[in-house]
Amino acid sequence: MTEDLACLTYLLAHDETAHGPYDRSRTELLLRAAALTDLVLRGRLGEDGGTVTVHGTGSTGDPVLDGVLRDAPGHGWKHLVRRHRARTLAEVEDRLAAAGLLTVTAHRGLLGRRRSTAVDPAATAAVRARVRAALHGDGPVQRLPATDAALLALAAAGGIPSVVPRHERRAFRSRIDACTRRLAALAPGLEKAVRSLPMTVLAARGGMGGG
Protein backbone atom coordinates (compact mmCIF):
# COMPACT_ATOMS: atom_id res chain seq x y z
CA MET A 1 0.00 0.00 0.00
CA THR A 2 1.43 3.35 -1.04
CA GLU A 3 1.98 6.06 1.59
CA ASP A 4 2.22 8.90 -0.94
CA LEU A 5 -0.17 11.62 0.19
CA ALA A 6 -1.52 12.33 -3.29
CA CYS A 7 -2.38 8.65 -3.85
CA LEU A 8 -3.94 8.31 -0.40
CA THR A 9 -5.98 11.47 -0.99
CA TYR A 10 -7.22 10.07 -4.30
CA LEU A 11 -8.42 6.92 -2.55
CA LEU A 12 -10.25 9.10 -0.02
CA ALA A 13 -11.92 11.03 -2.83
CA HIS A 14 -12.83 8.03 -4.97
CA ASP A 15 -16.52 7.33 -5.44
CA GLU A 16 -17.34 3.92 -6.88
CA THR A 17 -20.80 4.99 -8.06
CA ALA A 18 -19.26 7.88 -10.00
CA HIS A 19 -16.44 5.68 -11.38
CA GLY A 20 -13.91 8.27 -10.27
CA PRO A 21 -13.39 11.09 -7.81
CA TYR A 22 -16.47 12.50 -6.12
CA ASP A 23 -15.71 15.82 -7.88
CA ARG A 24 -13.00 15.65 -10.51
CA SER A 25 -12.13 19.35 -10.77
CA ARG A 26 -12.01 19.71 -6.98
CA THR A 27 -9.89 16.56 -6.66
CA GLU A 28 -7.36 17.91 -9.18
CA LEU A 29 -6.61 20.81 -6.84
CA LEU A 30 -6.72 18.60 -3.77
CA LEU A 31 -4.12 16.23 -5.19
CA ARG A 32 -1.79 19.10 -6.02
CA ALA A 33 -2.07 20.32 -2.43
CA ALA A 34 -1.46 16.78 -1.19
CA ALA A 35 1.67 16.38 -3.34
CA LEU A 36 3.03 19.72 -2.15
CA THR A 37 2.39 18.71 1.46
CA ASP A 38 4.16 15.40 0.88
CA LEU A 39 7.20 17.17 -0.55
CA VAL A 40 7.33 19.47 2.47
CA LEU A 41 7.13 16.50 4.86
CA ARG A 42 9.99 14.87 2.94
CA GLY A 43 12.09 18.02 3.31
CA ARG A 44 12.19 18.66 -0.45
CA LEU A 45 10.19 21.91 -0.36
CA GLY A 46 10.34 24.87 1.98
CA GLU A 47 9.40 28.52 1.98
CA ASP A 48 11.24 31.83 1.91
CA GLY A 49 9.10 34.94 2.21
CA GLY A 50 6.07 33.18 0.81
CA THR A 51 7.97 31.78 -2.18
CA VAL A 52 8.44 28.03 -2.47
CA THR A 53 12.04 26.83 -2.26
CA VAL A 54 13.46 23.48 -3.37
CA HIS A 55 15.88 21.51 -1.21
CA GLY A 56 18.04 18.65 -2.35
CA THR A 57 18.56 17.21 -5.80
CA GLY A 58 17.62 14.04 -7.60
CA SER A 59 14.44 12.07 -7.91
CA THR A 60 12.03 11.39 -5.06
CA GLY A 61 11.36 7.96 -6.52
CA ASP A 62 7.77 9.01 -7.25
CA PRO A 63 7.00 10.36 -10.75
CA VAL A 64 4.02 12.34 -9.45
CA LEU A 65 6.11 14.14 -6.85
CA ASP A 66 8.96 14.65 -9.31
CA GLY A 67 6.57 16.44 -11.67
CA VAL A 68 5.35 18.75 -8.92
CA LEU A 69 8.93 19.35 -7.76
CA ARG A 70 9.91 20.50 -11.26
CA ASP A 71 7.04 23.02 -11.20
CA ALA A 72 7.96 24.47 -7.82
CA PRO A 73 10.94 26.87 -8.00
CA GLY A 74 10.10 30.53 -7.72
CA HIS A 75 6.33 30.18 -7.33
CA GLY A 76 3.82 30.65 -4.52
CA TRP A 77 1.84 27.81 -2.95
CA LYS A 78 -1.55 28.82 -4.36
CA HIS A 79 -0.11 29.07 -7.86
CA LEU A 80 1.37 25.59 -7.53
CA VAL A 81 -1.95 24.15 -6.30
CA ARG A 82 -3.54 25.31 -9.57
CA ARG A 83 -0.65 24.54 -11.92
CA HIS A 84 -0.86 21.41 -14.12
CA ARG A 85 -3.60 20.01 -11.88
CA ALA A 86 -5.22 17.84 -14.58
CA ARG A 87 -1.84 16.29 -15.38
CA THR A 88 -1.25 15.47 -11.73
CA LEU A 89 -4.64 13.79 -11.38
CA ALA A 90 -3.98 11.60 -14.42
CA GLU A 91 -0.51 10.72 -13.11
CA VAL A 92 -1.93 9.72 -9.72
CA GLU A 93 -4.51 7.49 -11.41
CA ASP A 94 -1.76 5.88 -13.50
CA ARG A 95 0.38 5.32 -10.40
CA LEU A 96 -2.50 3.67 -8.53
CA ALA A 97 -3.27 1.54 -11.57
CA ALA A 98 0.37 0.43 -11.76
CA ALA A 99 0.20 -0.48 -8.06
CA GLY A 100 -2.84 -2.67 -8.75
CA LEU A 101 -5.18 -0.51 -6.66
CA LEU A 102 -7.20 0.94 -9.53
CA THR A 103 -8.35 0.17 -13.05
CA VAL A 104 -8.59 3.15 -15.38
CA THR A 105 -10.38 3.36 -18.73
CA ALA A 106 -11.36 6.21 -21.07
CA HIS A 107 -15.10 6.67 -21.52
CA ARG A 108 -15.99 7.87 -25.02
CA GLY A 109 -19.38 9.18 -23.96
CA LEU A 110 -17.71 11.69 -21.64
CA LEU A 111 -15.34 13.25 -24.19
CA GLY A 112 -12.61 10.87 -23.20
CA ARG A 113 -12.95 11.48 -19.47
CA ARG A 114 -11.46 8.67 -17.48
CA ARG A 115 -13.43 6.19 -15.41
CA SER A 116 -11.78 4.38 -12.53
CA THR A 117 -12.71 1.41 -10.38
CA ALA A 118 -11.08 0.41 -7.12
CA VAL A 119 -9.50 -3.04 -7.47
CA ASP A 120 -8.98 -3.41 -3.72
CA PRO A 121 -11.89 -1.80 -1.84
CA ALA A 122 -10.25 -2.82 1.43
CA ALA A 123 -7.32 -0.49 0.72
CA THR A 124 -9.69 2.44 0.21
CA ALA A 125 -11.61 1.52 3.35
CA ALA A 126 -8.38 1.34 5.36
CA VAL A 127 -7.33 4.87 4.35
CA ARG A 128 -10.76 6.24 5.20
CA ALA A 129 -10.69 4.47 8.56
CA ARG A 130 -7.36 6.14 9.37
CA VAL A 131 -8.75 9.59 8.67
CA ARG A 132 -12.00 8.89 10.49
CA ALA A 133 -9.99 7.74 13.50
CA ALA A 134 -7.95 10.95 13.39
CA LEU A 135 -11.16 12.97 13.25
CA HIS A 136 -12.96 11.17 16.08
CA GLY A 137 -9.95 10.45 18.30
CA ASP A 138 -9.75 12.09 21.70
CA GLY A 139 -5.95 12.20 21.96
CA PRO A 140 -3.93 15.36 21.28
CA VAL A 141 -3.65 16.24 17.60
CA GLN A 142 0.11 16.70 18.11
CA ARG A 143 0.40 12.94 18.67
CA LEU A 144 -1.20 12.03 15.36
CA PRO A 145 1.19 10.83 12.65
CA ALA A 146 2.00 13.76 10.36
CA THR A 147 0.51 11.92 7.38
CA ASP A 148 -2.81 11.30 9.13
CA ALA A 149 -3.08 14.88 10.35
CA ALA A 150 -2.36 16.15 6.83
CA LEU A 151 -4.89 13.78 5.28
CA LEU A 152 -7.58 15.00 7.67
CA ALA A 153 -6.77 18.64 6.93
CA LEU A 154 -6.88 17.97 3.18
CA ALA A 155 -10.08 15.91 3.29
CA ALA A 156 -11.85 18.62 5.27
CA ALA A 157 -10.59 21.43 3.03
CA GLY A 158 -11.65 19.47 -0.04
CA GLY A 159 -15.06 18.69 1.42
CA ILE A 160 -14.81 14.95 0.72
CA PRO A 161 -18.32 13.91 1.79
CA SER A 162 -17.61 10.24 2.44
CA VAL A 163 -14.79 11.10 4.85
CA VAL A 164 -15.71 14.39 6.52
CA PRO A 165 -19.41 15.16 5.97
CA ARG A 166 -20.49 18.77 6.27
CA HIS A 167 -22.10 18.35 9.69
CA GLU A 168 -18.89 16.77 11.03
CA ARG A 169 -16.77 19.60 9.64
CA ARG A 170 -18.80 21.84 11.93
CA ALA A 171 -18.88 19.48 14.90
CA PHE A 172 -15.12 18.77 14.80
CA ARG A 173 -14.01 22.18 13.60
CA SER A 174 -11.45 22.69 16.37
CA ARG A 175 -9.78 19.32 15.74
CA ILE A 176 -9.65 19.89 11.99
CA ASP A 177 -8.27 23.37 12.59
CA ALA A 178 -5.55 21.97 14.85
CA CYS A 179 -4.51 19.49 12.15
CA THR A 180 -4.41 22.26 9.56
CA ARG A 181 -2.31 24.45 11.87
CA ARG A 182 0.34 21.74 11.93
CA LEU A 183 1.03 22.62 8.29
CA ALA A 184 1.93 26.17 9.32
CA ALA A 185 4.88 24.85 11.32
CA LEU A 186 6.22 23.39 8.07
CA ALA A 187 5.35 26.26 5.71
CA PRO A 188 2.91 29.06 6.58
CA GLY A 189 1.97 29.60 2.95
CA LEU A 190 1.08 25.94 2.54
CA GLU A 191 -1.37 26.14 5.43
CA LYS A 192 -2.99 29.20 3.84
CA ALA A 193 -3.22 27.42 0.48
CA VAL A 194 -4.96 24.42 2.08
CA ARG A 195 -7.39 26.62 4.02
CA SER A 196 -8.26 28.55 0.86
CA LEU A 197 -8.94 25.45 -1.26
CA PRO A 198 -12.73 26.07 -1.36
CA MET A 199 -12.15 29.54 -2.84
CA THR A 200 -9.49 28.18 -5.19
CA VAL A 201 -12.05 25.70 -6.53
CA LEU A 202 -14.51 28.52 -7.22
CA ALA A 203 -11.83 30.59 -8.94
CA ALA A 204 -10.69 27.65 -11.07
CA ARG A 205 -14.24 26.88 -12.18
CA GLY A 206 -14.68 30.52 -13.09
CA GLY A 207 -11.73 30.36 -15.46
CA MET A 208 -9.25 32.02 -13.11
CA GLY A 209 -7.32 28.91 -12.14
CA GLY A 210 -4.65 28.55 -14.78
CA GLY A 211 -3.43 25.23 -16.20
C-alpha atoms as a PDB file:
ATOM      1  CA  MET A   1       0.000   0.000   0.000  1.00  0.00           C
ATOM      2  CA  THR A   2       1.425   3.349  -1.037  1.00  0.00           C
ATOM      3  CA  GLU A   3       1.980   6.055   1.585  1.00  0.00           C
ATOM      4  CA  ASP A   4       2.217   8.900  -0.938  1.00  0.00           C
ATOM      5  CA  LEU A   5      -0.174  11.623   0.191  1.00  0.00           C
ATOM      6  CA  ALA A   6      -1.523  12.326  -3.291  1.00  0.00           C
ATOM      7  CA  CYS A   7      -2.376   8.650  -3.846  1.00  0.00           C
ATOM      8  CA  LEU A   8      -3.940   8.312  -0.401  1.00  0.00           C
ATOM      9  CA  THR A   9      -5.977  11.466  -0.993  1.00  0.00           C
ATOM     10  CA  TYR A  10      -7.223  10.074  -4.303  1.00  0.00           C
ATOM     11  CA  LEU A  11      -8.419   6.924  -2.548  1.00  0.00           C
ATOM     12  CA  LEU A  12     -10.248   9.100  -0.016  1.00  0.00           C
ATOM     13  CA  ALA A  13     -11.916  11.033  -2.832  1.00  0.00           C
ATOM     14  CA  HIS A  14     -12.825   8.033  -4.969  1.00  0.00           C
ATOM     15  CA  ASP A  15     -16.525   7.331  -5.439  1.00  0.00           C
ATOM     16  CA  GLU A  16     -17.344   3.916  -6.881  1.00  0.00           C
ATOM     17  CA  THR A  17     -20.804   4.993  -8.059  1.00  0.00           C
ATOM     18  CA  ALA A  18     -19.258   7.880  -9.999  1.00  0.00           C
ATOM     19  CA  HIS A  19     -16.441   5.678 -11.379  1.00  0.00           C
ATOM     20  CA  GLY A  20     -13.912   8.272 -10.273  1.00  0.00           C
ATOM     21  CA  PRO A  21     -13.386  11.090  -7.808  1.00  0.00           C
ATOM     22  CA  TYR A  22     -16.475  12.502  -6.115  1.00  0.00           C
ATOM     23  CA  ASP A  23     -15.707  15.820  -7.877  1.00  0.00           C
ATOM     24  CA  ARG A  24     -13.003  15.650 -10.512  1.00  0.00           C
ATOM     25  CA  SER A  25     -12.134  19.348 -10.768  1.00  0.00           C
ATOM     26  CA  ARG A  26     -12.006  19.710  -6.983  1.00  0.00           C
ATOM     27  CA  THR A  27      -9.886  16.564  -6.665  1.00  0.00           C
ATOM     28  CA  GLU A  28      -7.363  17.913  -9.179  1.00  0.00           C
ATOM     29  CA  LEU A  29      -6.609  20.808  -6.842  1.00  0.00           C
ATOM     30  CA  LEU A  30      -6.721  18.604  -3.767  1.00  0.00           C
ATOM     31  CA  LEU A  31      -4.115  16.230  -5.190  1.00  0.00           C
ATOM     32  CA  ARG A  32      -1.788  19.099  -6.023  1.00  0.00           C
ATOM     33  CA  ALA A  33      -2.074  20.322  -2.431  1.00  0.00           C
ATOM     34  CA  ALA A  34      -1.458  16.777  -1.186  1.00  0.00           C
ATOM     35  CA  ALA A  35       1.670  16.378  -3.336  1.00  0.00           C
ATOM     36  CA  LEU A  36       3.034  19.723  -2.147  1.00  0.00           C
ATOM     37  CA  THR A  37       2.394  18.710   1.462  1.00  0.00           C
ATOM     38  CA  ASP A  38       4.161  15.396   0.884  1.00  0.00           C
ATOM     39  CA  LEU A  39       7.204  17.170  -0.546  1.00  0.00           C
ATOM     40  CA  VAL A  40       7.328  19.469   2.474  1.00  0.00           C
ATOM     41  CA  LEU A  41       7.126  16.504   4.855  1.00  0.00           C
ATOM     42  CA  ARG A  42       9.989  14.866   2.941  1.00  0.00           C
ATOM     43  CA  GLY A  43      12.088  18.015   3.306  1.00  0.00           C
ATOM     44  CA  ARG A  44      12.185  18.657  -0.449  1.00  0.00           C
ATOM     45  CA  LEU A  45      10.188  21.905  -0.362  1.00  0.00           C
ATOM     46  CA  GLY A  46      10.344  24.865   1.984  1.00  0.00           C
ATOM     47  CA  GLU A  47       9.399  28.519   1.983  1.00  0.00           C
ATOM     48  CA  ASP A  48      11.240  31.827   1.907  1.00  0.00           C
ATOM     49  CA  GLY A  49       9.104  34.943   2.212  1.00  0.00           C
ATOM     50  CA  GLY A  50       6.066  33.182   0.812  1.00  0.00           C
ATOM     51  CA  THR A  51       7.971  31.776  -2.179  1.00  0.00           C
ATOM     52  CA  VAL A  52       8.441  28.026  -2.475  1.00  0.00           C
ATOM     53  CA  THR A  53      12.039  26.826  -2.263  1.00  0.00           C
ATOM     54  CA  VAL A  54      13.457  23.476  -3.369  1.00  0.00           C
ATOM     55  CA  HIS A  55      15.881  21.514  -1.210  1.00  0.00           C
ATOM     56  CA  GLY A  56      18.038  18.651  -2.348  1.00  0.00           C
ATOM     57  CA  THR A  57      18.557  17.212  -5.799  1.00  0.00           C
ATOM     58  CA  GLY A  58      17.618  14.045  -7.602  1.00  0.00           C
ATOM     59  CA  SER A  59      14.437  12.067  -7.913  1.00  0.00           C
ATOM     60  CA  THR A  60      12.031  11.395  -5.064  1.00  0.00           C
ATOM     61  CA  GLY A  61      11.357   7.961  -6.525  1.00  0.00           C
ATOM     62  CA  ASP A  62       7.772   9.009  -7.246  1.00  0.00           C
ATOM     63  CA  PRO A  63       7.000  10.360 -10.755  1.00  0.00           C
ATOM     64  CA  VAL A  64       4.016  12.342  -9.447  1.00  0.00           C
ATOM     65  CA  LEU A  65       6.114  14.142  -6.845  1.00  0.00           C
ATOM     66  CA  ASP A  66       8.962  14.652  -9.307  1.00  0.00           C
ATOM     67  CA  GLY A  67       6.566  16.436 -11.668  1.00  0.00           C
ATOM     68  CA  VAL A  68       5.350  18.755  -8.916  1.00  0.00           C
ATOM     69  CA  LEU A  69       8.925  19.347  -7.763  1.00  0.00           C
ATOM     70  CA  ARG A  70       9.905  20.500 -11.258  1.00  0.00           C
ATOM     71  CA  ASP A  71       7.044  23.017 -11.197  1.00  0.00           C
ATOM     72  CA  ALA A  72       7.961  24.471  -7.821  1.00  0.00           C
ATOM     73  CA  PRO A  73      10.943  26.866  -8.005  1.00  0.00           C
ATOM     74  CA  GLY A  74      10.096  30.534  -7.720  1.00  0.00           C
ATOM     75  CA  HIS A  75       6.331  30.182  -7.334  1.00  0.00           C
ATOM     76  CA  GLY A  76       3.821  30.648  -4.523  1.00  0.00           C
ATOM     77  CA  TRP A  77       1.842  27.814  -2.955  1.00  0.00           C
ATOM     78  CA  LYS A  78      -1.547  28.818  -4.364  1.00  0.00           C
ATOM     79  CA  HIS A  79      -0.111  29.070  -7.861  1.00  0.00           C
ATOM     80  CA  LEU A  80       1.368  25.591  -7.531  1.00  0.00           C
ATOM     81  CA  VAL A  81      -1.948  24.152  -6.302  1.00  0.00           C
ATOM     82  CA  ARG A  82      -3.540  25.313  -9.572  1.00  0.00           C
ATOM     83  CA  ARG A  83      -0.652  24.537 -11.917  1.00  0.00           C
ATOM     84  CA  HIS A  84      -0.858  21.415 -14.123  1.00  0.00           C
ATOM     85  CA  ARG A  85      -3.595  20.009 -11.878  1.00  0.00           C
ATOM     86  CA  ALA A  86      -5.221  17.838 -14.582  1.00  0.00           C
ATOM     87  CA  ARG A  87      -1.839  16.291 -15.383  1.00  0.00           C
ATOM     88  CA  THR A  88      -1.249  15.466 -11.729  1.00  0.00           C
ATOM     89  CA  LEU A  89      -4.642  13.786 -11.385  1.00  0.00           C
ATOM     90  CA  ALA A  90      -3.981  11.599 -14.419  1.00  0.00           C
ATOM     91  CA  GLU A  91      -0.510  10.719 -13.113  1.00  0.00           C
ATOM     92  CA  VAL A  92      -1.932   9.716  -9.721  1.00  0.00           C
ATOM     93  CA  GLU A  93      -4.507   7.488 -11.415  1.00  0.00           C
ATOM     94  CA  ASP A  94      -1.764   5.876 -13.498  1.00  0.00           C
ATOM     95  CA  ARG A  95       0.382   5.319 -10.397  1.00  0.00           C
ATOM     96  CA  LEU A  96      -2.500   3.671  -8.527  1.00  0.00           C
ATOM     97  CA  ALA A  97      -3.273   1.540 -11.572  1.00  0.00           C
ATOM     98  CA  ALA A  98       0.374   0.435 -11.763  1.00  0.00           C
ATOM     99  CA  ALA A  99       0.200  -0.478  -8.064  1.00  0.00           C
ATOM    100  CA  GLY A 100      -2.838  -2.672  -8.749  1.00  0.00           C
ATOM    101  CA  LEU A 101      -5.179  -0.512  -6.657  1.00  0.00           C
ATOM    102  CA  LEU A 102      -7.200   0.943  -9.529  1.00  0.00           C
ATOM    103  CA  THR A 103      -8.346   0.168 -13.050  1.00  0.00           C
ATOM    104  CA  VAL A 104      -8.591   3.153 -15.381  1.00  0.00           C
ATOM    105  CA  THR A 105     -10.378   3.363 -18.733  1.00  0.00           C
ATOM    106  CA  ALA A 106     -11.356   6.211 -21.066  1.00  0.00           C
ATOM    107  CA  HIS A 107     -15.103   6.674 -21.521  1.00  0.00           C
ATOM    108  CA  ARG A 108     -15.989   7.872 -25.017  1.00  0.00           C
ATOM    109  CA  GLY A 109     -19.377   9.175 -23.958  1.00  0.00           C
ATOM    110  CA  LEU A 110     -17.711  11.689 -21.636  1.00  0.00           C
ATOM    111  CA  LEU A 111     -15.344  13.251 -24.191  1.00  0.00           C
ATOM    112  CA  GLY A 112     -12.607  10.870 -23.198  1.00  0.00           C
ATOM    113  CA  ARG A 113     -12.954  11.482 -19.472  1.00  0.00           C
ATOM    114  CA  ARG A 114     -11.460   8.666 -17.482  1.00  0.00           C
ATOM    115  CA  ARG A 115     -13.434   6.194 -15.412  1.00  0.00           C
ATOM    116  CA  SER A 116     -11.783   4.383 -12.529  1.00  0.00           C
ATOM    117  CA  THR A 117     -12.709   1.414 -10.381  1.00  0.00           C
ATOM    118  CA  ALA A 118     -11.080   0.410  -7.115  1.00  0.00           C
ATOM    119  CA  VAL A 119      -9.502  -3.035  -7.474  1.00  0.00           C
ATOM    120  CA  ASP A 120      -8.982  -3.408  -3.722  1.00  0.00           C
ATOM    121  CA  PRO A 121     -11.890  -1.795  -1.838  1.00  0.00           C
ATOM    122  CA  ALA A 122     -10.248  -2.825   1.433  1.00  0.00           C
ATOM    123  CA  ALA A 123      -7.320  -0.486   0.715  1.00  0.00           C
ATOM    124  CA  THR A 124      -9.694   2.437   0.209  1.00  0.00           C
ATOM    125  CA  ALA A 125     -11.611   1.516   3.351  1.00  0.00           C
ATOM    126  CA  ALA A 126      -8.382   1.342   5.356  1.00  0.00           C
ATOM    127  CA  VAL A 127      -7.334   4.875   4.350  1.00  0.00           C
ATOM    128  CA  ARG A 128     -10.762   6.241   5.200  1.00  0.00           C
ATOM    129  CA  ALA A 129     -10.695   4.465   8.556  1.00  0.00           C
ATOM    130  CA  ARG A 130      -7.362   6.145   9.372  1.00  0.00           C
ATOM    131  CA  VAL A 131      -8.749   9.593   8.667  1.00  0.00           C
ATOM    132  CA  ARG A 132     -11.995   8.893  10.486  1.00  0.00           C
ATOM    133  CA  ALA A 133      -9.991   7.740  13.503  1.00  0.00           C
ATOM    134  CA  ALA A 134      -7.947  10.946  13.390  1.00  0.00           C
ATOM    135  CA  LEU A 135     -11.161  12.970  13.246  1.00  0.00           C
ATOM    136  CA  HIS A 136     -12.958  11.166  16.077  1.00  0.00           C
ATOM    137  CA  GLY A 137      -9.955  10.452  18.299  1.00  0.00           C
ATOM    138  CA  ASP A 138      -9.751  12.087  21.697  1.00  0.00           C
ATOM    139  CA  GLY A 139      -5.951  12.197  21.955  1.00  0.00           C
ATOM    140  CA  PRO A 140      -3.928  15.357  21.276  1.00  0.00           C
ATOM    141  CA  VAL A 141      -3.647  16.242  17.599  1.00  0.00           C
ATOM    142  CA  GLN A 142       0.107  16.697  18.106  1.00  0.00           C
ATOM    143  CA  ARG A 143       0.404  12.939  18.671  1.00  0.00           C
ATOM    144  CA  LEU A 144      -1.204  12.032  15.358  1.00  0.00           C
ATOM    145  CA  PRO A 145       1.186  10.828  12.654  1.00  0.00           C
ATOM    146  CA  ALA A 146       1.996  13.760  10.360  1.00  0.00           C
ATOM    147  CA  THR A 147       0.514  11.924   7.381  1.00  0.00           C
ATOM    148  CA  ASP A 148      -2.806  11.296   9.126  1.00  0.00           C
ATOM    149  CA  ALA A 149      -3.083  14.885  10.347  1.00  0.00           C
ATOM    150  CA  ALA A 150      -2.356  16.155   6.835  1.00  0.00           C
ATOM    151  CA  LEU A 151      -4.891  13.783   5.280  1.00  0.00           C
ATOM    152  CA  LEU A 152      -7.583  15.001   7.668  1.00  0.00           C
ATOM    153  CA  ALA A 153      -6.769  18.639   6.932  1.00  0.00           C
ATOM    154  CA  LEU A 154      -6.880  17.974   3.184  1.00  0.00           C
ATOM    155  CA  ALA A 155     -10.079  15.911   3.288  1.00  0.00           C
ATOM    156  CA  ALA A 156     -11.855  18.618   5.270  1.00  0.00           C
ATOM    157  CA  ALA A 157     -10.592  21.433   3.033  1.00  0.00           C
ATOM    158  CA  GLY A 158     -11.654  19.468  -0.038  1.00  0.00           C
ATOM    159  CA  GLY A 159     -15.056  18.687   1.424  1.00  0.00           C
ATOM    160  CA  ILE A 160     -14.813  14.953   0.720  1.00  0.00           C
ATOM    161  CA  PRO A 161     -18.322  13.914   1.789  1.00  0.00           C
ATOM    162  CA  SER A 162     -17.609  10.236   2.437  1.00  0.00           C
ATOM    163  CA  VAL A 163     -14.787  11.101   4.848  1.00  0.00           C
ATOM    164  CA  VAL A 164     -15.706  14.393   6.520  1.00  0.00           C
ATOM    165  CA  PRO A 165     -19.411  15.160   5.970  1.00  0.00           C
ATOM    166  CA  ARG A 166     -20.487  18.772   6.273  1.00  0.00           C
ATOM    167  CA  HIS A 167     -22.100  18.348   9.689  1.00  0.00           C
ATOM    168  CA  GLU A 168     -18.891  16.773  11.033  1.00  0.00           C
ATOM    169  CA  ARG A 169     -16.773  19.598   9.637  1.00  0.00           C
ATOM    170  CA  ARG A 170     -18.799  21.844  11.932  1.00  0.00           C
ATOM    171  CA  ALA A 171     -18.880  19.476  14.904  1.00  0.00           C
ATOM    172  CA  PHE A 172     -15.121  18.767  14.804  1.00  0.00           C
ATOM    173  CA  ARG A 173     -14.009  22.181  13.596  1.00  0.00           C
ATOM    174  CA  SER A 174     -11.448  22.692  16.368  1.00  0.00           C
ATOM    175  CA  ARG A 175      -9.778  19.322  15.745  1.00  0.00           C
ATOM    176  CA  ILE A 176      -9.652  19.892  11.991  1.00  0.00           C
ATOM    177  CA  ASP A 177      -8.274  23.371  12.587  1.00  0.00           C
ATOM    178  CA  ALA A 178      -5.553  21.970  14.848  1.00  0.00           C
ATOM    179  CA  CYS A 179      -4.506  19.492  12.147  1.00  0.00           C
ATOM    180  CA  THR A 180      -4.409  22.261   9.562  1.00  0.00           C
ATOM    181  CA  ARG A 181      -2.309  24.452  11.866  1.00  0.00           C
ATOM    182  CA  ARG A 182       0.338  21.737  11.927  1.00  0.00           C
ATOM    183  CA  LEU A 183       1.031  22.619   8.291  1.00  0.00           C
ATOM    184  CA  ALA A 184       1.932  26.168   9.325  1.00  0.00           C
ATOM    185  CA  ALA A 185       4.880  24.850  11.321  1.00  0.00           C
ATOM    186  CA  LEU A 186       6.219  23.390   8.070  1.00  0.00           C
ATOM    187  CA  ALA A 187       5.353  26.258   5.711  1.00  0.00           C
ATOM    188  CA  PRO A 188       2.915  29.062   6.581  1.00  0.00           C
ATOM    189  CA  GLY A 189       1.973  29.601   2.946  1.00  0.00           C
ATOM    190  CA  LEU A 190       1.078  25.939   2.537  1.00  0.00           C
ATOM    191  CA  GLU A 191      -1.366  26.144   5.430  1.00  0.00           C
ATOM    192  CA  LYS A 192      -2.992  29.203   3.841  1.00  0.00           C
ATOM    193  CA  ALA A 193      -3.220  27.420   0.481  1.00  0.00           C
ATOM    194  CA  VAL A 194      -4.958  24.425   2.076  1.00  0.00           C
ATOM    195  CA  ARG A 195      -7.387  26.622   4.020  1.00  0.00           C
ATOM    196  CA  SER A 196      -8.265  28.549   0.865  1.00  0.00           C
ATOM    197  CA  LEU A 197      -8.940  25.449  -1.257  1.00  0.00           C
ATOM    198  CA  PRO A 198     -12.732  26.069  -1.364  1.00  0.00           C
ATOM    199  CA  MET A 199     -12.150  29.543  -2.843  1.00  0.00           C
ATOM    200  CA  THR A 200      -9.490  28.182  -5.194  1.00  0.00           C
ATOM    201  CA  VAL A 201     -12.047  25.695  -6.528  1.00  0.00           C
ATOM    202  CA  LEU A 202     -14.507  28.516  -7.216  1.00  0.00           C
ATOM    203  CA  ALA A 203     -11.829  30.593  -8.939  1.00  0.00           C
ATOM    204  CA  ALA A 204     -10.695  27.648 -11.074  1.00  0.00           C
ATOM    205  CA  ARG A 205     -14.244  26.882 -12.180  1.00  0.00           C
ATOM    206  CA  GLY A 206     -14.682  30.524 -13.087  1.00  0.00           C
ATOM    207  CA  GLY A 207     -11.728  30.362 -15.458  1.00  0.00           C
ATOM    208  CA  MET A 208      -9.255  32.021 -13.106  1.00  0.00           C
ATOM    209  CA  GLY A 209      -7.324  28.908 -12.140  1.00  0.00           C
ATOM    210  CA  GLY A 210      -4.655  28.552 -14.777  1.00  0.00           C
ATOM    211  CA  GLY A 211      -3.425  25.234 -16.198  1.00  0.00           C
END
